[in-house]
Structures are given as C-alpha cells and as structure tokens.
Amino acid sequence: MDTDLLLVAGLVLAWLGVPAFFSAYAHRRSPVMAAALLVLGGGCIAWAVLTNPGGYSLVEVPDVFFRVLGRFL
C-alpha cells in the first residue's frame, strides 16, 4: 500500500474517532469503537511516517491529502 494513501486513511480514521468518542461519552456508552478508530488511525499514521524514506512534515500533509484525493476523483 502506498504510504501517502496510508497516511490519509489514518488521518480520516482518527478524525472519525474523535466525535465518536465524545458521542459515546455523552450517551454514557462504552467508547470501544471510538478507541478502535483512534488506535487504527494512529497505527496507520505511524506506519506511513516510519516507512516513508524521508518521513512527513506538517507542511506536506495538506499536499499529500489532496494528491491522494485527486487520484481517486
């Protein structure tokens, strides 16, 4: 799998995990799915950063996101 795609997938998973966590907390449910999304997203991000030869900087992340989005559109 491409490291750019892995980074974007991790960012999306982590982004979806945050509101799921707060929703579970507000409704007094166990945040199992939110925790799973955050762990999977963090793992994808870590794997992408560690396997990319130069790594990623915060300045590159928007370019990577839109480059991956452009490939699929």
C-alpha atoms as a PDB file:
ATOM      1  CA  MET A   1       0.000   0.000   0.000  1.00  0.00           C
ATOM      2  CA  ASP A   2       1.213   3.491  -0.822  1.00  0.00           C
ATOM      3  CA  THR A   3       2.424   5.443   2.215  1.00  0.00           C
ATOM      4  CA  ASP A   4       0.513   8.554   1.119  1.00  0.00           C
ATOM      5  CA  LEU A   5      -2.732   6.578   0.995  1.00  0.00           C
ATOM      6  CA  LEU A   6      -1.932   5.017   4.356  1.00  0.00           C
ATOM      7  CA  LEU A   7      -1.343   8.444   5.899  1.00  0.00           C
ATOM      8  CA  VAL A   8      -4.629   9.810   4.561  1.00  0.00           C
ATOM      9  CA  ALA A   9      -6.552   6.717   5.697  1.00  0.00           C
ATOM     10  CA  GLY A  10      -5.048   7.069   9.162  1.00  0.00           C
ATOM     11  CA  LEU A  11      -5.957  10.741   9.349  1.00  0.00           C
ATOM     12  CA  VAL A  12      -9.541  10.020   8.304  1.00  0.00           C
ATOM     13  CA  LEU A  13      -9.904   7.150  10.785  1.00  0.00           C
ATOM     14  CA  ALA A  14      -8.513   9.245  13.637  1.00  0.00           C
ATOM     15  CA  TRP A  15     -10.716  12.178  12.613  1.00  0.00           C
ATOM     16  CA  LEU A  16     -13.807   9.948  12.745  1.00  0.00           C
ATOM     17  CA  GLY A  17     -12.768   8.521  16.106  1.00  0.00           C
ATOM     18  CA  VAL A  18     -12.814  11.848  17.954  1.00  0.00           C
ATOM     19  CA  PRO A  19     -16.547  12.661  17.547  1.00  0.00           C
ATOM     20  CA  ALA A  20     -17.392   9.000  18.109  1.00  0.00           C
ATOM     21  CA  PHE A  21     -15.552   9.148  21.426  1.00  0.00           C
ATOM     22  CA  PHE A  22     -17.420  12.263  22.557  1.00  0.00           C
ATOM     23  CA  SER A  23     -20.736  10.815  21.403  1.00  0.00           C
ATOM     24  CA  ALA A  24     -20.164   7.641  23.386  1.00  0.00           C
ATOM     25  CA  TYR A  25     -19.136   9.675  26.411  1.00  0.00           C
ATOM     26  CA  ALA A  26     -22.225  11.919  26.167  1.00  0.00           C
ATOM     27  CA  HIS A  27     -24.588   8.924  25.904  1.00  0.00           C
ATOM     28  CA  ARG A  28     -22.761   7.064  28.704  1.00  0.00           C
ATOM     29  CA  ARG A  29     -21.785   4.158  26.474  1.00  0.00           C
ATOM     30  CA  SER A  30     -18.515   2.324  26.255  1.00  0.00           C
ATOM     31  CA  PRO A  31     -16.275   4.013  23.658  1.00  0.00           C
ATOM     32  CA  VAL A  32     -14.972   0.745  22.199  1.00  0.00           C
ATOM     33  CA  MET A  33     -15.499   1.654  18.548  1.00  0.00           C
ATOM     34  CA  ALA A  34     -14.081   5.144  19.064  1.00  0.00           C
ATOM     35  CA  ALA A  35     -10.991   3.692  20.716  1.00  0.00           C
ATOM     36  CA  ALA A  36     -10.611   1.202  17.864  1.00  0.00           C
ATOM     37  CA  LEU A  37     -10.830   4.006  15.290  1.00  0.00           C
ATOM     38  CA  LEU A  38      -8.260   6.085  17.146  1.00  0.00           C
ATOM     39  CA  VAL A  39      -5.859   3.155  17.545  1.00  0.00           C
ATOM     40  CA  LEU A  40      -6.202   2.080  13.901  1.00  0.00           C
ATOM     41  CA  GLY A  41      -5.796   5.656  12.699  1.00  0.00           C
ATOM     42  CA  GLY A  42      -2.748   6.198  14.866  1.00  0.00           C
ATOM     43  CA  GLY A  43      -1.248   2.925  13.694  1.00  0.00           C
ATOM     44  CA  CYS A  44      -1.768   3.834  10.043  1.00  0.00           C
ATOM     45  CA  ILE A  45      -0.216   7.248  10.577  1.00  0.00           C
ATOM     46  CA  ALA A  46       2.762   5.786  12.423  1.00  0.00           C
ATOM     47  CA  TRP A  47       3.302   3.111   9.778  1.00  0.00           C
ATOM     48  CA  ALA A  48       3.158   5.678   6.979  1.00  0.00           C
ATOM     49  CA  VAL A  49       5.613   8.014   8.702  1.00  0.00           C
ATOM     50  CA  LEU A  50       8.053   5.232   9.575  1.00  0.00           C
ATOM     51  CA  THR A  51       8.029   3.529   6.159  1.00  0.00           C
ATOM     52  CA  ASN A  52       8.275   6.715   4.076  1.00  0.00           C
ATOM     53  CA  PRO A  53      12.004   7.251   3.422  1.00  0.00           C
ATOM     54  CA  GLY A  54      12.005  10.983   4.212  1.00  0.00           C
ATOM     55  CA  GLY A  55       9.093  10.971   6.621  1.00  0.00           C
ATOM     56  CA  TYR A  56       6.409  13.635   6.515  1.00  0.00           C
ATOM     57  CA  SER A  57       6.414  17.175   7.796  1.00  0.00           C
ATOM     58  CA  LEU A  58       3.283  19.053   8.845  1.00  0.00           C
ATOM     59  CA  VAL A  59       3.663  21.325   5.821  1.00  0.00           C
ATOM     60  CA  GLU A  60       3.414  18.330   3.459  1.00  0.00           C
ATOM     61  CA  VAL A  61       0.233  16.828   4.916  1.00  0.00           C
ATOM     62  CA  PRO A  62      -2.304  19.016   3.011  1.00  0.00           C
ATOM     63  CA  ASP A  63      -0.468  18.374  -0.276  1.00  0.00           C
ATOM     64  CA  VAL A  64      -0.445  14.632   0.392  1.00  0.00           C
ATOM     65  CA  PHE A  65      -4.138  14.671   1.320  1.00  0.00           C
ATOM     66  CA  PHE A  66      -5.210  16.455  -1.856  1.00  0.00           C
ATOM     67  CA  ARG A  67      -2.857  14.408  -4.031  1.00  0.00           C
ATOM     68  CA  VAL A  68      -4.473  11.195  -2.786  1.00  0.00           C
ATOM     69  CA  LEU A  69      -7.935  12.708  -3.125  1.00  0.00           C
ATOM     70  CA  GLY A  70      -7.117  13.759  -6.685  1.00  0.00           C
ATOM     71  CA  ARG A  71      -6.072  10.207  -7.580  1.00  0.00           C
ATOM     72  CA  PHE A  72      -9.483   8.888  -6.632  1.00  0.00           C
ATOM     73  CA  LEU A  73     -11.520  11.649  -8.231  1.00  0.00           C
END
